[in-house]
Amino acid sequence: AADGFDWDAGNRDKCQKHGLTLAEIEHVVSHAETLIVHDVKNSTSESRFIAIGRTPEGRFAFVAFTQRIREGRNFLRPISARYMHRKEVARYEKESSTLQNR
Protein backbone atom coordinates (compact mmCIF):
# COMPACT_ATOMS: atom_id res chain seq x y z
CA ALA A 1 0.00 0.00 0.00
CA ALA A 2 1.16 3.50 -0.75
CA ASP A 3 1.93 6.09 1.89
CA GLY A 4 0.48 8.87 -0.26
CA PHE A 5 0.77 10.74 -3.51
CA ASP A 6 3.76 12.70 -4.79
CA TRP A 7 2.51 16.01 -6.21
CA ASP A 8 4.63 19.00 -7.14
CA ALA A 9 4.87 21.67 -9.85
CA GLY A 10 6.37 19.08 -12.20
CA ASN A 11 3.29 16.85 -12.43
CA ARG A 12 0.30 18.77 -11.04
CA ASP A 13 -0.48 20.88 -14.13
CA LYS A 14 0.32 18.12 -16.62
CA CYS A 15 -2.06 15.73 -14.86
CA GLN A 16 -4.87 18.28 -14.65
CA LYS A 17 -4.65 19.59 -18.23
CA HIS A 18 -7.27 17.11 -19.52
CA GLY A 19 -9.86 18.12 -16.95
CA LEU A 20 -9.40 15.69 -14.06
CA THR A 21 -8.93 17.06 -10.55
CA LEU A 22 -6.17 15.83 -8.25
CA ALA A 23 -8.84 14.15 -6.09
CA GLU A 24 -10.26 12.30 -9.13
CA ILE A 25 -6.79 11.15 -10.17
CA GLU A 26 -6.02 9.85 -6.66
CA HIS A 27 -9.40 8.07 -6.59
CA VAL A 28 -8.76 6.29 -9.91
CA VAL A 29 -5.32 5.08 -8.79
CA SER A 30 -6.36 3.95 -5.31
CA HIS A 31 -9.88 2.56 -5.91
CA ALA A 32 -10.30 -1.17 -5.38
CA GLU A 33 -11.91 -1.93 -8.76
CA THR A 34 -9.25 -0.11 -10.76
CA LEU A 35 -7.23 -2.20 -13.21
CA ILE A 36 -3.49 -1.52 -12.93
CA VAL A 37 -1.12 -2.73 -15.63
CA HIS A 38 2.64 -2.41 -16.02
CA ASP A 39 3.44 0.07 -18.81
CA VAL A 40 6.36 -1.87 -20.26
CA LYS A 41 6.74 0.40 -23.31
CA ASN A 42 7.36 3.51 -21.17
CA SER A 43 9.34 1.86 -18.38
CA THR A 44 12.83 2.39 -19.73
CA SER A 45 14.13 4.65 -16.94
CA GLU A 46 11.68 3.67 -14.18
CA SER A 47 8.73 1.29 -13.75
CA ARG A 48 5.54 2.90 -14.94
CA PHE A 49 2.00 1.72 -14.45
CA ILE A 50 -1.37 2.58 -15.94
CA ALA A 51 -4.48 2.68 -13.79
CA ILE A 52 -7.80 2.31 -15.61
CA GLY A 53 -10.82 3.09 -13.50
CA ARG A 54 -13.72 5.39 -12.77
CA THR A 55 -13.85 8.80 -11.17
CA PRO A 56 -16.29 9.22 -8.23
CA GLU A 57 -18.79 10.53 -10.84
CA GLY A 58 -18.42 7.32 -12.85
CA ARG A 59 -16.36 8.56 -15.82
CA PHE A 60 -13.64 6.22 -17.04
CA ALA A 61 -10.09 7.55 -16.88
CA PHE A 62 -6.48 6.51 -17.52
CA VAL A 63 -3.78 7.55 -15.07
CA ALA A 64 -0.10 6.82 -15.78
CA PHE A 65 2.00 6.77 -12.63
CA THR A 66 5.22 5.55 -11.10
CA GLN A 67 6.35 4.72 -7.56
CA ARG A 68 8.85 6.81 -5.65
CA ILE A 69 10.52 5.70 -2.44
CA ARG A 70 11.50 8.58 -0.15
CA GLU A 71 12.81 8.10 3.37
CA GLY A 72 11.63 4.50 3.30
CA ARG A 73 8.06 5.46 2.37
CA ASN A 74 6.27 4.51 -0.86
CA PHE A 75 4.59 7.32 -2.80
CA LEU A 76 2.61 7.11 -6.03
CA ARG A 77 3.55 9.82 -8.51
CA PRO A 78 0.97 10.45 -11.25
CA ILE A 79 2.59 11.31 -14.60
CA SER A 80 -0.44 11.99 -16.79
CA ALA A 81 -4.19 11.55 -16.65
CA ARG A 82 -7.10 11.79 -19.05
CA TYR A 83 -10.64 10.64 -19.55
CA MET A 84 -11.02 7.57 -21.75
CA HIS A 85 -12.54 7.82 -25.23
CA ARG A 86 -15.81 6.01 -25.93
CA LYS A 87 -14.07 3.28 -28.00
CA GLU A 88 -11.55 2.69 -25.21
CA VAL A 89 -14.35 2.35 -22.65
CA ALA A 90 -16.17 -0.17 -24.87
CA ARG A 91 -12.98 -2.22 -25.33
CA TYR A 92 -12.19 -2.09 -21.59
CA GLU A 93 -15.72 -3.19 -20.63
CA LYS A 94 -15.59 -6.06 -23.16
CA GLU A 95 -12.17 -7.24 -21.93
CA SER A 96 -13.03 -6.91 -18.23
CA SER A 97 -16.27 -8.91 -18.68
CA THR A 98 -14.27 -11.63 -20.48
CA LEU A 99 -11.83 -11.78 -17.54
CA GLN A 100 -14.64 -11.94 -14.98
CA ASN A 101 -16.32 -14.85 -16.79
CA ARG A 102 -13.28 -17.15 -16.60
PDB file of N, CA and C in Angstrom:
ATOM      1  N   ALA A   1       0.845  -1.199   0.000  1.00  0.00           N
ATOM      2  CA  ALA A   1       0.000   0.000   0.000  1.00  0.00           C
ATOM      3  C   ALA A   1       0.879   1.248   0.000  1.00  0.00           C
ATOM      4  N   ALA A   2       0.402   2.253  -0.645  1.00  0.00           N
ATOM      5  CA  ALA A   2       1.163   3.498  -0.753  1.00  0.00           C
ATOM      6  C   ALA A   2       0.977   4.345   0.492  1.00  0.00           C
ATOM      7  N   ASP A   3       1.988   5.162   0.765  1.00  0.00           N
ATOM      8  CA  ASP A   3       1.927   6.091   1.892  1.00  0.00           C
ATOM      9  C   ASP A   3       1.330   7.433   1.485  1.00  0.00           C
ATOM     10  N   GLY A   4       1.054   7.605   0.197  1.00  0.00           N
ATOM     11  CA  GLY A   4       0.480   8.866  -0.255  1.00  0.00           C
ATOM     12  C   GLY A   4       0.837   9.132  -1.700  1.00  0.00           C
ATOM     13  N   PHE A   5       0.520  10.335  -2.141  1.00  0.00           N
ATOM     14  CA  PHE A   5       0.772  10.744  -3.513  1.00  0.00           C
ATOM     15  C   PHE A   5       1.849  11.810  -3.545  1.00  0.00           C
ATOM     16  N   ASP A   6       2.650  11.770  -4.600  1.00  0.00           N
ATOM     17  CA  ASP A   6       3.761  12.695  -4.786  1.00  0.00           C
ATOM     18  C   ASP A   6       3.347  13.741  -5.817  1.00  0.00           C
ATOM     19  N   TRP A   7       2.915  14.905  -5.331  1.00  0.00           N
ATOM     20  CA  TRP A   7       2.510  16.014  -6.207  1.00  0.00           C
ATOM     21  C   TRP A   7       3.486  17.163  -6.054  1.00  0.00           C
ATOM     22  N   ASP A   8       3.838  17.777  -7.170  1.00  0.00           N
ATOM     23  CA  ASP A   8       4.634  19.001  -7.142  1.00  0.00           C
ATOM     24  C   ASP A   8       4.375  19.755  -8.438  1.00  0.00           C
ATOM     25  N   ALA A   9       5.078  20.848  -8.650  1.00  0.00           N
ATOM     26  CA  ALA A   9       4.867  21.668  -9.851  1.00  0.00           C
ATOM     27  C   ALA A   9       5.161  20.878 -11.123  1.00  0.00           C
ATOM     28  N   GLY A  10       5.993  19.858 -11.027  1.00  0.00           N
ATOM     29  CA  GLY A  10       6.368  19.085 -12.201  1.00  0.00           C
ATOM     30  C   GLY A  10       5.283  18.183 -12.741  1.00  0.00           C
ATOM     31  N   ASN A  11       4.327  17.764 -11.921  1.00  0.00           N
ATOM     32  CA  ASN A  11       3.295  16.850 -12.434  1.00  0.00           C
ATOM     33  C   ASN A  11       1.863  17.357 -12.223  1.00  0.00           C
ATOM     34  N   ARG A  12       1.668  18.322 -11.362  1.00  0.00           N
ATOM     35  CA  ARG A  12       0.304  18.774 -11.040  1.00  0.00           C
ATOM     36  C   ARG A  12      -0.429  19.310 -12.273  1.00  0.00           C
ATOM     37  N   ASP A  13       0.185  20.272 -12.975  1.00  0.00           N
ATOM     38  CA  ASP A  13      -0.482  20.883 -14.126  1.00  0.00           C
ATOM     39  C   ASP A  13      -0.650  19.893 -15.278  1.00  0.00           C
ATOM     40  N   LYS A  14       0.386  19.098 -15.528  1.00  0.00           N
ATOM     41  CA  LYS A  14       0.318  18.120 -16.621  1.00  0.00           C
ATOM     42  C   LYS A  14      -0.817  17.129 -16.395  1.00  0.00           C
ATOM     43  N   CYS A  15      -1.012  16.702 -15.158  1.00  0.00           N
ATOM     44  CA  CYS A  15      -2.057  15.732 -14.864  1.00  0.00           C
ATOM     45  C   CYS A  15      -3.454  16.354 -14.942  1.00  0.00           C
ATOM     46  N   GLN A  16      -3.564  17.637 -14.654  1.00  0.00           N
ATOM     47  CA  GLN A  16      -4.873  18.281 -14.647  1.00  0.00           C
ATOM     48  C   GLN A  16      -5.271  18.868 -16.002  1.00  0.00           C
ATOM     49  N   LYS A  17      -4.361  18.868 -16.981  1.00  0.00           N
ATOM     50  CA  LYS A  17      -4.648  19.588 -18.225  1.00  0.00           C
ATOM     51  C   LYS A  17      -5.787  18.982 -19.036  1.00  0.00           C
ATOM     52  N   HIS A  18      -6.155  17.725 -18.785  1.00  0.00           N
ATOM     53  CA  HIS A  18      -7.268  17.108 -19.517  1.00  0.00           C
ATOM     54  C   HIS A  18      -8.563  17.113 -18.710  1.00  0.00           C
ATOM     55  N   GLY A  19      -8.604  17.903 -17.646  1.00  0.00           N
ATOM     56  CA  GLY A  19      -9.865  18.119 -16.947  1.00  0.00           C
ATOM     57  C   GLY A  19     -10.093  17.344 -15.665  1.00  0.00           C
ATOM     58  N   LEU A  20      -9.214  16.420 -15.312  1.00  0.00           N
ATOM     59  CA  LEU A  20      -9.398  15.691 -14.060  1.00  0.00           C
ATOM     60  C   LEU A  20      -8.813  16.499 -12.897  1.00  0.00           C
ATOM     61  N   THR A  21      -9.461  16.412 -11.754  1.00  0.00           N
ATOM     62  CA  THR A  21      -8.929  17.060 -10.555  1.00  0.00           C
ATOM     63  C   THR A  21      -7.930  16.126  -9.882  1.00  0.00           C
ATOM     64  N   LEU A  22      -7.120  16.669  -8.985  1.00  0.00           N
ATOM     65  CA  LEU A  22      -6.172  15.829  -8.247  1.00  0.00           C
ATOM     66  C   LEU A  22      -6.921  14.759  -7.462  1.00  0.00           C
ATOM     67  N   ALA A  23      -8.053  15.115  -6.875  1.00  0.00           N
ATOM     68  CA  ALA A  23      -8.842  14.147  -6.094  1.00  0.00           C
ATOM     69  C   ALA A  23      -9.350  13.008  -6.988  1.00  0.00           C
ATOM     70  N   GLU A  24      -9.794  13.346  -8.205  1.00  0.00           N
ATOM     71  CA  GLU A  24     -10.261  12.304  -9.127  1.00  0.00           C
ATOM     72  C   GLU A  24      -9.118  11.379  -9.524  1.00  0.00           C
ATOM     73  N   ILE A  25      -7.953  11.951  -9.782  1.00  0.00           N
ATOM     74  CA  ILE A  25      -6.785  11.151 -10.166  1.00  0.00           C
ATOM     75  C   ILE A  25      -6.401  10.198  -9.035  1.00  0.00           C
ATOM     76  N   GLU A  26      -6.360  10.702  -7.813  1.00  0.00           N
ATOM     77  CA  GLU A  26      -6.024   9.853  -6.665  1.00  0.00           C
ATOM     78  C   GLU A  26      -7.061   8.744  -6.485  1.00  0.00           C
ATOM     79  N   HIS A  27      -8.330   9.071  -6.718  1.00  0.00           N
ATOM     80  CA  HIS A  27      -9.397   8.071  -6.586  1.00  0.00           C
ATOM     81  C   HIS A  27      -9.208   6.944  -7.604  1.00  0.00           C
ATOM     82  N   VAL A  28      -8.928   7.305  -8.868  1.00  0.00           N
ATOM     83  CA  VAL A  28      -8.762   6.285  -9.911  1.00  0.00           C
ATOM     84  C   VAL A  28      -7.608   5.352  -9.557  1.00  0.00           C
ATOM     85  N   VAL A  29      -6.489   5.912  -9.097  1.00  0.00           N
ATOM     86  CA  VAL A  29      -5.315   5.084  -8.791  1.00  0.00           C
ATOM     87  C   VAL A  29      -5.552   4.194  -7.569  1.00  0.00           C
ATOM     88  N   SER A  30      -6.263   4.684  -6.581  1.00  0.00           N
ATOM     89  CA  SER A  30      -6.363   3.947  -5.311  1.00  0.00           C
ATOM     90  C   SER A  30      -7.655   3.163  -5.133  1.00  0.00           C
ATOM     91  N   HIS A  31      -8.589   3.243  -6.060  1.00  0.00           N
ATOM     92  CA  HIS A  31      -9.878   2.564  -5.910  1.00  0.00           C
ATOM     93  C   HIS A  31      -9.733   1.062  -6.136  1.00  0.00           C
ATOM     94  N   ALA A  32     -10.453   0.292  -5.380  1.00  0.00           N
ATOM     95  CA  ALA A  32     -10.296  -1.166  -5.381  1.00  0.00           C
ATOM     96  C   ALA A  32     -10.596  -1.813  -6.730  1.00  0.00           C
ATOM     97  N   GLU A  33     -11.536  -1.279  -7.504  1.00  0.00           N
ATOM     98  CA  GLU A  33     -11.913  -1.926  -8.763  1.00  0.00           C
ATOM     99  C   GLU A  33     -11.071  -1.464  -9.948  1.00  0.00           C
ATOM    100  N   THR A  34     -10.104  -0.614  -9.695  1.00  0.00           N
ATOM    101  CA  THR A  34      -9.253  -0.110 -10.764  1.00  0.00           C
ATOM    102  C   THR A  34      -8.333  -1.212 -11.267  1.00  0.00           C
ATOM    103  N   LEU A  35      -8.168  -1.272 -12.580  1.00  0.00           N
ATOM    104  CA  LEU A  35      -7.226  -2.200 -13.206  1.00  0.00           C
ATOM    105  C   LEU A  35      -5.883  -1.491 -13.328  1.00  0.00           C
ATOM    106  N   ILE A  36      -4.828  -2.108 -12.831  1.00  0.00           N
ATOM    107  CA  ILE A  36      -3.491  -1.518 -12.934  1.00  0.00           C
ATOM    108  C   ILE A  36      -2.614  -2.469 -13.735  1.00  0.00           C
ATOM    109  N   VAL A  37      -2.002  -1.920 -14.790  1.00  0.00           N
ATOM    110  CA  VAL A  37      -1.119  -2.726 -15.635  1.00  0.00           C
ATOM    111  C   VAL A  37       0.252  -2.072 -15.703  1.00  0.00           C
ATOM    112  N   HIS A  38       1.266  -2.902 -15.884  1.00  0.00           N
ATOM    113  CA  HIS A  38       2.636  -2.413 -16.020  1.00  0.00           C
ATOM    114  C   HIS A  38       2.791  -1.834 -17.420  1.00  0.00           C
ATOM    115  N   ASP A  39       3.243  -0.608 -17.521  1.00  0.00           N
ATOM    116  CA  ASP A  39       3.436   0.068 -18.805  1.00  0.00           C
ATOM    117  C   ASP A  39       4.856  -0.232 -19.285  1.00  0.00           C
ATOM    118  N   VAL A  40       5.035  -1.404 -19.874  1.00  0.00           N
ATOM    119  CA  VAL A  40       6.365  -1.873 -20.261  1.00  0.00           C
ATOM    120  C   VAL A  40       7.004  -0.921 -21.271  1.00  0.00           C
ATOM    121  N   LYS A  41       6.216  -0.439 -22.228  1.00  0.00           N
ATOM    122  CA  LYS A  41       6.741   0.404 -23.313  1.00  0.00           C
ATOM    123  C   LYS A  41       7.393   1.682 -22.782  1.00  0.00           C
ATOM    124  N   ASN A  42       6.840   2.248 -21.710  1.00  0.00           N
ATOM    125  CA  ASN A  42       7.357   3.507 -21.175  1.00  0.00           C
ATOM    126  C   ASN A  42       8.128   3.330 -19.865  1.00  0.00           C
ATOM    127  N   SER A  43       8.633   2.138 -19.626  1.00  0.00           N
ATOM    128  CA  SER A  43       9.341   1.861 -18.377  1.00  0.00           C
ATOM    129  C   SER A  43      10.847   1.740 -18.566  1.00  0.00           C
ATOM    130  N   THR A  44      11.399   2.524 -19.473  1.00  0.00           N
ATOM    131  CA  THR A  44      12.834   2.388 -19.726  1.00  0.00           C
ATOM    132  C   THR A  44      13.671   2.920 -18.574  1.00  0.00           C
ATOM    133  N   SER A  45      13.317   4.086 -18.021  1.00  0.00           N
ATOM    134  CA  SER A  45      14.130   4.652 -16.943  1.00  0.00           C
ATOM    135  C   SER A  45      13.581   4.321 -15.552  1.00  0.00           C
ATOM    136  N   GLU A  46      12.282   4.053 -15.465  1.00  0.00           N
ATOM    137  CA  GLU A  46      11.678   3.672 -14.182  1.00  0.00           C
ATOM    138  C   GLU A  46      10.411   2.884 -14.483  1.00  0.00           C
ATOM    139  N   SER A  47       9.958   2.071 -13.538  1.00  0.00           N
ATOM    140  CA  SER A  47       8.734   1.290 -13.747  1.00  0.00           C
ATOM    141  C   SER A  47       7.531   2.211 -13.773  1.00  0.00           C
ATOM    142  N   ARG A  48       6.763   2.111 -14.831  1.00  0.00           N
ATOM    143  CA  ARG A  48       5.541   2.901 -14.942  1.00  0.00           C
ATOM    144  C   ARG A  48       4.343   1.979 -15.000  1.00  0.00           C
ATOM    145  N   PHE A  49       3.237   2.478 -14.513  1.00  0.00           N
ATOM    146  CA  PHE A  49       1.999   1.718 -14.447  1.00  0.00           C
ATOM    147  C   PHE A  49       0.871   2.565 -15.006  1.00  0.00           C
ATOM    148  N   ILE A  50      -0.172   1.890 -15.482  1.00  0.00           N
ATOM    149  CA  ILE A  50      -1.366   2.579 -15.943  1.00  0.00           C
ATOM    150  C   ILE A  50      -2.538   2.072 -15.121  1.00  0.00           C
ATOM    151  N   ALA A  51      -3.253   3.004 -14.509  1.00  0.00           N
ATOM    152  CA  ALA A  51      -4.482   2.678 -13.790  1.00  0.00           C
ATOM    153  C   ALA A  51      -5.656   3.019 -14.698  1.00  0.00           C
ATOM    154  N   ILE A  52      -6.581   2.080 -14.839  1.00  0.00           N
ATOM    155  CA  ILE A  52      -7.799   2.306 -15.610  1.00  0.00           C
ATOM    156  C   ILE A  52      -8.956   2.121 -14.642  1.00  0.00           C
ATOM    157  N   GLY A  53      -9.719   3.180 -14.452  1.00  0.00           N
ATOM    158  CA  GLY A  53     -10.816   3.090 -13.497  1.00  0.00           C
ATOM    159  C   GLY A  53     -11.798   4.219 -13.683  1.00  0.00           C
ATOM    160  N   ARG A  54     -12.682   4.366 -12.708  1.00  0.00           N
ATOM    161  CA  ARG A  54     -13.720   5.385 -12.774  1.00  0.00           C
ATOM    162  C   ARG A  54     -13.484   6.476 -11.736  1.00  0.00           C
ATOM    163  N   THR A  55     -13.853   7.693 -12.116  1.00  0.00           N
ATOM    164  CA  THR A  55     -13.846   8.796 -11.165  1.00  0.00           C
ATOM    165  C   THR A  55     -15.036   8.594 -10.225  1.00  0.00           C
ATOM    166  N   PRO A  56     -15.113   9.345  -9.112  1.00  0.00           N
ATOM    167  CA  PRO A  56     -16.286   9.217  -8.233  1.00  0.00           C
ATOM    168  C   PRO A  56     -17.608   9.471  -8.963  1.00  0.00           C
ATOM    169  N   GLU A  57     -17.572  10.255 -10.060  1.00  0.00           N
ATOM    170  CA  GLU A  57     -18.786  10.534 -10.844  1.00  0.00           C
ATOM    171  C   GLU A  57     -19.073   9.433 -11.863  1.00  0.00           C
ATOM    172  N   GLY A  58     -18.171   8.444 -11.965  1.00  0.00           N
ATOM    173  CA  GLY A  58     -18.420   7.318 -12.851  1.00  0.00           C
ATOM    174  C   GLY A  58     -17.799   7.408 -14.225  1.00  0.00           C
ATOM    175  N   ARG A  59     -17.024   8.455 -14.505  1.00  0.00           N
ATOM    176  CA  ARG A  59     -16.362   8.561 -15.817  1.00  0.00           C
ATOM    177  C   ARG A  59     -15.087   7.733 -15.826  1.00  0.00           C
ATOM    178  N   PHE A  60     -14.853   7.024 -16.923  1.00  0.00           N
ATOM    179  CA  PHE A  60     -13.640   6.223 -17.039  1.00  0.00           C
ATOM    180  C   PHE A  60     -12.439   7.110 -17.312  1.00  0.00           C
ATOM    181  N   ALA A  61     -11.307   6.764 -16.701  1.00  0.00           N
ATOM    182  CA  ALA A  61     -10.088   7.551 -16.881  1.00  0.00           C
ATOM    183  C   ALA A  61      -8.863   6.643 -16.873  1.00  0.00           C
ATOM    184  N   PHE A  62      -7.815   7.107 -17.556  1.00  0.00           N
ATOM    185  CA  PHE A  62      -6.481   6.506 -17.524  1.00  0.00           C
ATOM    186  C   PHE A  62      -5.609   7.384 -16.646  1.00  0.00           C
ATOM    187  N   VAL A  63      -4.788   6.786 -15.798  1.00  0.00           N
ATOM    188  CA  VAL A  63      -3.778   7.548 -15.067  1.00  0.00           C
ATOM    189  C   VAL A  63      -2.464   6.777 -15.179  1.00  0.00           C
ATOM    190  N   ALA A  64      -1.445   7.412 -15.754  1.00  0.00           N
ATOM    191  CA  ALA A  64      -0.101   6.821 -15.785  1.00  0.00           C
ATOM    192  C   ALA A  64       0.617   7.300 -14.527  1.00  0.00           C
ATOM    193  N   PHE A  65       1.301   6.387 -13.855  1.00  0.00           N
ATOM    194  CA  PHE A  65       1.998   6.772 -12.632  1.00  0.00           C
ATOM    195  C   PHE A  65       3.216   5.893 -12.403  1.00  0.00           C
ATOM    196  N   THR A  66       4.055   6.330 -11.502  1.00  0.00           N
ATOM    197  CA  THR A  66       5.222   5.554 -11.102  1.00  0.00           C
ATOM    198  C   THR A  66       5.277   5.548  -9.574  1.00  0.00           C
ATOM    199  N   GLN A  67       6.164   4.753  -9.023  1.00  0.00           N
ATOM    200  CA  GLN A  67       6.347   4.720  -7.564  1.00  0.00           C
ATOM    201  C   GLN A  67       7.646   5.419  -7.224  1.00  0.00           C
ATOM    202  N   ARG A  68       7.640   6.161  -6.143  1.00  0.00           N
ATOM    203  CA  ARG A  68       8.848   6.815  -5.653  1.00  0.00           C
ATOM    204  C   ARG A  68       9.014   6.448  -4.176  1.00  0.00           C
ATOM    205  N   ILE A  69      10.209   6.012  -3.827  1.00  0.00           N
ATOM    206  CA  ILE A  69      10.524   5.700  -2.438  1.00  0.00           C
ATOM    207  C   ILE A  69      11.316   6.875  -1.871  1.00  0.00           C
ATOM    208  N   ARG A  70      10.799   7.476  -0.816  1.00  0.00           N
ATOM    209  CA  ARG A  70      11.502   8.575  -0.148  1.00  0.00           C
ATOM    210  C   ARG A  70      11.492   8.312   1.350  1.00  0.00           C
ATOM    211  N   GLU A  71      12.668   8.324   1.926  1.00  0.00           N
ATOM    212  CA  GLU A  71      12.808   8.103   3.367  1.00  0.00           C
ATOM    213  C   GLU A  71      12.082   6.831   3.799  1.00  0.00           C
ATOM    214  N   GLY A  72      12.221   5.788   2.979  1.00  0.00           N
ATOM    215  CA  GLY A  72      11.635   4.499   3.303  1.00  0.00           C
ATOM    216  C   GLY A  72      10.126   4.416   3.124  1.00  0.00           C
ATOM    217  N   ARG A  73       9.515   5.462   2.580  1.00  0.00           N
ATOM    218  CA  ARG A  73       8.065   5.455   2.365  1.00  0.00           C
ATOM    219  C   ARG A  73       7.766   5.406   0.876  1.00  0.00           C
ATOM    220  N   ASN A  74       6.656   4.755   0.531  1.00  0.00           N
ATOM    221  CA  ASN A  74       6.267   4.514  -0.857  1.00  0.00           C
ATOM    222  C   ASN A  74       5.204   5.522  -1.294  1.00  0.00           C
ATOM    223  N   PHE A  75       5.542   6.334  -2.287  1.00  0.00           N
ATOM    224  CA  PHE A  75       4.594   7.325  -2.802  1.00  0.00           C
ATOM    225  C   PHE A  75       4.255   7.003  -4.253  1.00  0.00           C
ATOM    226  N   LEU A  76       3.026   7.262  -4.644  1.00  0.00           N
ATOM    227  CA  LEU A  76       2.606   7.107  -6.027  1.00  0.00           C
ATOM    228  C   LEU A  76       2.674   8.478  -6.688  1.00  0.00           C
ATOM    229  N   ARG A  77       3.386   8.545  -7.807  1.00  0.00           N
ATOM    230  CA  ARG A  77       3.546   9.817  -8.509  1.00  0.00           C
ATOM    231  C   ARG A  77       2.831   9.767  -9.857  1.00  0.00           C
ATOM    232  N   PRO A  78       1.656  10.402  -9.960  1.00  0.00           N
ATOM    233  CA  PRO A  78       0.973  10.453 -11.248  1.00  0.00           C
ATOM    234  C   PRO A  78       1.806  11.210 -12.277  1.00  0.00           C
ATOM    235  N   ILE A  79       1.820  10.709 -13.518  1.00  0.00           N
ATOM    236  CA  ILE A  79       2.588  11.308 -14.600  1.00  0.00           C
ATOM    237  C   ILE A  79       1.656  12.015 -15.584  1.00  0.00           C
ATOM    238  N   SER A  80       0.552  11.367 -15.913  1.00  0.00           N
ATOM    239  CA  SER A  80      -0.442  11.989 -16.789  1.00  0.00           C
ATOM    240  C   SER A  80      -1.792  11.341 -16.514  1.00  0.00           C
ATOM    241  N   ALA A  81      -2.840  12.051 -16.885  1.00  0.00           N
ATOM    242  CA  ALA A  81      -4.192  11.548 -16.649  1.00  0.00           C
ATOM    243  C   ALA A  81      -5.130  12.130 -17.698  1.00  0.00           C
ATOM    244  N   ARG A  82      -6.081  11.300 -18.111  1.00  0.00           N
ATOM    245  CA  ARG A  82      -7.095  11.788 -19.051  1.00  0.00           C
ATOM    246  C   ARG A  82      -8.316  10.888 -18.973  1.00  0.00           C
ATOM    247  N   TYR A  83      -9.443  11.452 -19.430  1.00  0.00           N
ATOM    248  CA  TYR A  83     -10.642  10.636 -19.555  1.00  0.00           C
ATOM    249  C   TYR A  83     -10.461   9.689 -20.735  1.00  0.00           C
ATOM    250  N   MET A  84     -11.098   8.531 -20.665  1.00  0.00           N
ATOM    251  CA  MET A  84     -11.017   7.570 -21.755  1.00  0.00           C
ATOM    252  C   MET A  84     -12.007   7.941 -22.857  1.00  0.00           C
ATOM    253  N   HIS A  85     -11.640   7.624 -24.095  1.00  0.00           N
ATOM    254  CA  HIS A  85     -12.537   7.819 -25.235  1.00  0.00           C
ATOM    255  C   HIS A  85     -13.587   6.707 -25.249  1.00  0.00           C
ATOM    256  N   ARG A  86     -14.695   6.967 -25.915  1.00  0.00           N
ATOM    257  CA  ARG A  86     -15.812   6.009 -25.935  1.00  0.00           C
ATOM    258  C   ARG A  86     -15.361   4.633 -26.430  1.00  0.00           C
ATOM    259  N   LYS A  87     -14.543   4.578 -27.476  1.00  0.00           N
ATOM    260  CA  LYS A  87     -14.070   3.285 -28.002  1.00  0.00           C
ATOM    261  C   LYS A  87     -13.217   2.552 -26.970  1.00  0.00           C
ATOM    262  N   GLU A  88     -12.398   3.304 -26.236  1.00  0.00           N
ATOM    263  CA  GLU A  88     -11.551   2.687 -25.209  1.00  0.00           C
ATOM    264  C   GLU A  88     -12.408   2.110 -24.093  1.00  0.00           C
ATOM    265  N   VAL A  89     -13.454   2.839 -23.702  1.00  0.00           N
ATOM    266  CA  VAL A  89     -14.352   2.351 -22.646  1.00  0.00           C
ATOM    267  C   VAL A  89     -15.020   1.059 -23.100  1.00  0.00           C
ATOM    268  N   ALA A  90     -15.497   1.034 -24.352  1.00  0.00           N
ATOM    269  CA  ALA A  90     -16.165  -0.168 -24.871  1.00  0.00           C
ATOM    270  C   ALA A  90     -15.212  -1.358 -24.866  1.00  0.00           C
ATOM    271  N   ARG A  91     -13.967  -1.135 -25.305  1.00  0.00           N
ATOM    272  CA  ARG A  91     -12.984  -2.223 -25.332  1.00  0.00           C
ATOM    273  C   ARG A  91     -12.655  -2.693 -23.911  1.00  0.00           C
ATOM    274  N   TYR A  92     -12.488  -1.740 -22.995  1.00  0.00           N
ATOM    275  CA  TYR A  92     -12.189  -2.086 -21.595  1.00  0.00           C
ATOM    276  C   TYR A  92     -13.327  -2.911 -20.991  1.00  0.00           C
ATOM    277  N   GLU A  93     -14.577  -2.462 -21.204  1.00  0.00           N
ATOM    278  CA  GLU A  93     -15.720  -3.188 -20.632  1.00  0.00           C
ATOM    279  C   GLU A  93     -15.824  -4.590 -21.216  1.00  0.00           C
ATOM    280  N   LYS A  94     -15.553  -4.742 -22.524  1.00  0.00           N
ATOM    281  CA  LYS A  94     -15.587  -6.057 -23.162  1.00  0.00           C
ATOM    282  C   LYS A  94     -14.502  -6.960 -22.574  1.00  0.00           C
ATOM    283  N   GLU A  95     -13.274  -6.435 -22.458  1.00  0.00           N
ATOM    284  CA  GLU A  95     -12.168  -7.241 -21.927  1.00  0.00           C
ATOM    285  C   GLU A  95     -12.361  -7.582 -20.459  1.00  0.00           C
ATOM    286  N   SER A  96     -12.873  -6.624 -19.657  1.00  0.00           N
ATOM    287  CA  SER A  96     -13.033  -6.911 -18.233  1.00  0.00           C
ATOM    288  C   SER A  96     -14.158  -7.922 -18.013  1.00  0.00           C
ATOM    289  N   SER A  97     -15.210  -7.913 -18.847  1.00  0.00           N
ATOM    290  CA  SER A  97     -16.270  -8.908 -18.683  1.00  0.00           C
ATOM    291  C   SER A  97     -15.767 -10.283 -19.086  1.00  0.00           C
ATOM    292  N   THR A  98     -14.876 -10.351 -20.084  1.00  0.00           N
ATOM    293  CA  THR A  98     -14.268 -11.628 -20.482  1.00  0.00           C
ATOM    294  C   THR A  98     -13.434 -12.183 -19.336  1.00  0.00           C
ATOM    295  N   LEU A  99     -12.656 -11.320 -18.667  1.00  0.00           N
ATOM    296  CA  LEU A  99     -11.830 -11.777 -17.542  1.00  0.00           C
ATOM    297  C   LEU A  99     -12.680 -12.270 -16.383  1.00  0.00           C
ATOM    298  N   GLN A 100     -13.795 -11.563 -16.116  1.00  0.00           N
ATOM    299  CA  GLN A 100     -14.638 -11.939 -14.984  1.00  0.00           C
ATOM    300  C   GLN A 100     -15.373 -13.254 -15.221  1.00  0.00           C
ATOM    301  N   ASN A 101     -15.562 -13.635 -16.480  1.00  0.00           N
ATOM    302  CA  ASN A 101     -16.316 -14.850 -16.792  1.00  0.00           C
ATOM    303  C   ASN A 101     -15.443 -16.098 -16.884  1.00  0.00           C
ATOM    304  N   ARG A 102     -14.165 -15.979 -16.549  1.00  0.00           N
ATOM    305  CA  ARG A 102     -13.276 -17.150 -16.603  1.00  0.00           C
ATOM    306  C   ARG A 102     -13.460 -18.032 -15.394  1.00  0.00           C
TER     307      ARG A 102
END
